[in-house]
C-alpha atoms as a PDB file:
ATOM      1  CA  UNK A   1     113.136 117.809  98.179  1.00  0.00           C
ATOM      2  CA  UNK A   2     111.834 121.024  99.694  1.00  0.00           C
ATOM      3  CA  UNK A   3     114.156 123.535 101.257  1.00  0.00           C
ATOM      4  CA  UNK A   4     113.587 124.008 105.017  1.00  0.00           C
ATOM      5  CA  UNK A   5     111.847 127.236 105.961  1.00  0.00           C
ATOM      6  CA  UNK A   6     113.941 130.063 107.328  1.00  0.00           C
ATOM      7  CA  UNK A   7     113.979 130.400 111.117  1.00  0.00           C
ATOM      8  CA  UNK A   8     112.227 133.415 112.596  1.00  0.00           C
ATOM      9  CA  UNK A   9     112.750 134.831 116.062  1.00  0.00           C
ATOM     10  CA  UNK A  10     109.687 135.232 118.258  1.00  0.00           C
ATOM     11  CA  UNK A  11     108.843 136.064 121.844  1.00  0.00           C
ATOM     12  CA  UNK A  12     107.025 133.523 123.985  1.00  0.00           C
ATOM     13  CA  UNK A  13     105.919 133.365 127.578  1.00  0.00           C
ATOM     14  CA  UNK A  14     106.462 130.150 129.496  1.00  0.00           C
ATOM     15  CA  UNK A  15     106.003 129.165 133.106  1.00  0.00           C
ATOM     16  CA  UNK A  16     109.228 129.817 135.008  1.00  0.00           C
ATOM     17  CA  UNK A  17     109.244 126.371 136.646  1.00  0.00           C
ATOM     18  CA  UNK A  18     109.021 124.645 133.262  1.00  0.00           C
ATOM     19  CA  UNK A  19     111.746 126.837 131.812  1.00  0.00           C
ATOM     20  CA  UNK A  20     114.015 126.125 134.764  1.00  0.00           C
ATOM     21  CA  UNK A  21     113.484 122.354 134.438  1.00  0.00           C
ATOM     22  CA  UNK A  22     114.010 122.407 130.689  1.00  0.00           C
ATOM     23  CA  UNK A  23     117.260 124.349 131.009  1.00  0.00           C
ATOM     24  CA  UNK A  24     118.466 121.989 133.732  1.00  0.00           C
ATOM     25  CA  UNK A  25     117.904 119.056 131.351  1.00  0.00           C
ATOM     26  CA  UNK A  26     119.391 120.817 128.317  1.00  0.00           C
ATOM     27  CA  UNK A  27     116.119 120.651 126.382  1.00  0.00           C
ATOM     28  CA  UNK A  28     116.207 122.629 123.157  1.00  0.00           C
ATOM     29  CA  UNK A  29     113.085 124.770 123.490  1.00  0.00           C
ATOM     30  CA  UNK A  30     112.988 125.833 119.835  1.00  0.00           C
ATOM     31  CA  UNK A  31     113.234 122.245 118.580  1.00  0.00           C
ATOM     32  CA  UNK A  32     110.689 121.059 121.152  1.00  0.00           C
ATOM     33  CA  UNK A  33     108.200 123.738 120.127  1.00  0.00           C
ATOM     34  CA  UNK A  34     108.742 123.019 116.415  1.00  0.00           C
ATOM     35  CA  UNK A  35     108.243 119.273 116.950  1.00  0.00           C
ATOM     36  CA  UNK A  36     105.106 119.827 119.015  1.00  0.00           C
ATOM     37  CA  UNK A  37     103.650 122.292 116.522  1.00  0.00           C
ATOM     38  CA  UNK A  38     104.362 119.959 113.595  1.00  0.00           C
ATOM     39  CA  UNK A  39     102.632 117.127 115.412  1.00  0.00           C
ATOM     40  CA  UNK A  40      99.634 119.269 116.347  1.00  0.00           C
ATOM     41  CA  UNK A  41      99.299 120.675 112.815  1.00  0.00           C
ATOM     42  CA  UNK A  42      99.533 117.196 111.260  1.00  0.00           C
ATOM     43  CA  UNK A  43      96.804 115.926 113.564  1.00  0.00           C
ATOM     44  CA  UNK A  44      94.577 118.891 112.759  1.00  0.00           C
ATOM     45  CA  UNK A  45      95.179 118.345 109.025  1.00  0.00           C
ATOM     46  CA  UNK A  46      94.323 114.661 109.457  1.00  0.00           C
ATOM     47  CA  UNK A  47      91.113 115.466 111.306  1.00  0.00           C
ATOM     48  CA  UNK A  48      90.122 118.060 108.678  1.00  0.00           C
ATOM     49  CA  UNK A  49      90.791 115.562 105.865  1.00  0.00           C
ATOM     50  CA  UNK A  50      88.703 112.895 107.604  1.00  0.00           C
ATOM     51  CA  UNK A  51      85.840 115.349 108.069  1.00  0.00           C
ATOM     52  CA  UNK A  52      86.025 116.566 104.459  1.00  0.00           C
ATOM     53  CA  UNK A  53      86.022 113.007 103.135  1.00  0.00           C
ATOM     54  CA  UNK A  54      83.650 111.368 105.611  1.00  0.00           C
ATOM     55  CA  UNK A  55      80.738 111.167 103.156  1.00  0.00           C
ATOM     56  CA  UNK A  56      82.873 109.474 100.488  1.00  0.00           C
ATOM     57  CA  UNK A  57      84.330 106.998 102.993  1.00  0.00           C
ATOM     58  CA  UNK A  58      80.873 106.194 104.354  1.00  0.00           C
ATOM     59  CA  UNK A  59      79.572 105.644 100.815  1.00  0.00           C
ATOM     60  CA  UNK A  60      82.496 103.362  99.978  1.00  0.00           C
ATOM     61  CA  UNK A  61      81.978 101.384 103.183  1.00  0.00           C
ATOM     62  CA  UNK A  62      78.236 101.005 102.454  1.00  0.00           C
ATOM     63  CA  UNK A  63      79.010  99.831  98.915  1.00  0.00           C
ATOM     64  CA  UNK A  64      81.440  97.173 100.178  1.00  0.00           C
ATOM     65  CA  UNK A  65      79.012  96.097 102.901  1.00  0.00           C
ATOM     66  CA  UNK A  66      76.222  95.662 100.338  1.00  0.00           C
ATOM     67  CA  UNK A  67      78.115  94.282  97.363  1.00  0.00           C
ATOM     68  CA  UNK A  68      81.395  92.992  98.751  1.00  0.00           C
ATOM     69  CA  UNK A  69      84.811  93.405  97.218  1.00  0.00           C
ATOM     70  CA  UNK A  70      85.634  92.478  93.609  1.00  0.00           C
ATOM     71  CA  UNK A  71      88.234  90.057  94.938  1.00  0.00           C
ATOM     72  CA  UNK A  72      85.978  88.194  97.393  1.00  0.00           C
ATOM     73  CA  UNK A  73      85.773  85.113  95.138  1.00  0.00           C
ATOM     74  CA  UNK A  74      89.525  85.070  94.591  1.00  0.00           C
ATOM     75  CA  UNK A  75      90.646  84.734  98.194  1.00  0.00           C
ATOM     76  CA  UNK A  76      92.787  81.703  98.973  1.00  0.00           C
ATOM     77  CA  UNK A  77      92.675  82.090 102.769  1.00  0.00           C
END
């Protein structure tokens, strides 16, 4: 299990109306930003992985389309 990264203070600018609404609803801005950044970074990592592996996935899909799966004759359904 990895140890969580140390928190680091930073300065941000945010629209005053959004800040006012968030404070009124007791929204934890730090947690919200961390969650949003994690989600955005995961999606970017996923997209990068897909792009890096697109040729291999296309080749595998072509192979299956042409030759089928090894288990095709074993299916019971």
